[in-house]
Amino acid sequence: MVSRETSAEIRKGIKDIWLVGLGLIPLGLAFGVLMTQTGFAWWWTPIFSFVIYAGSMEFVALNMVLTGVGPASAALTGFMVNFRHIFYGLTYPLEKVRSPIGRLYGTYALTDESYAVVSALPKGTKLSGPRVLTIQIAAQTFWVGSGIVGALAGALIPPDLQGLDFALTALFIVLAYEAFQSTRDIGAVAIALIFGLVAWLIAPGQMLIVALTAMFVLMLVRFWRPRLDATLTHTI
């Protein structure tokens, strides 16, 4: 039986994630529609979402399956697309989860959305294991559920419907804005834009990986050099 304290933490987790979860719905619908309209049975959608469970990578994986990409190329592509998750794991509060099974699930279910929601919480927020896991479980429920609905409705939706492909971009914009609202650090925004622009100019095909790597190195330097950190921090 769930204790009153645990129930309260679960409610907090749902409150943290529900707005972002709503943003996952159009993206999940788009993925489900795409699955059925490319010839897959509807039940392949939850299989993709449970085995892979990485929004952008699921779209990429579907394309690789359809085009017959080999295992080595698929593995390399998957690593490149999800390279950013290495950095997520360094700061995501999985140590709050006591259960070994819970930690395994937390590692598996670490996504952009759950990381962004936790990172955007006000400084000083006391996180618990149930709250952290609730955020991740709810996010996956929104994603899988909307994907199934989209797959079942795929045959009824016109194949030339426009706009669903923008859902992922719109969601990331919202997550970035929420993170900025939490820190109000305009310096971080400026640095991220500079790194992104430079990476796009020198390595357009690997822009995300190059920019994230540069940002991670800078974060380490800022951690080791508090004076530099203070210099680069500009809140508004």
Foldseek 3Di string as FASTA:
>chain_A
DDDPVLVVLLVVLCVLAVVLLVLLLLLLLVLLLVCVVVPHALVVSLVLCVVPVASVLSVVVVVCVVVVPDPVVNVVVVCLVCVLVVVLVVPPPLVLADDPVLSVVLSRQDYPRLSLSVLLPAPPDDHHSSSSSSNSVSSSCSNSVSNSVSNVCSVVDDPPDDDSVCSVVVSVVVSVVSNCVRQQFVLVVVLLVVLLVVLCVPPVPSSVVRSSVVVVVVVVVCVVPVVVVVVSGDGD
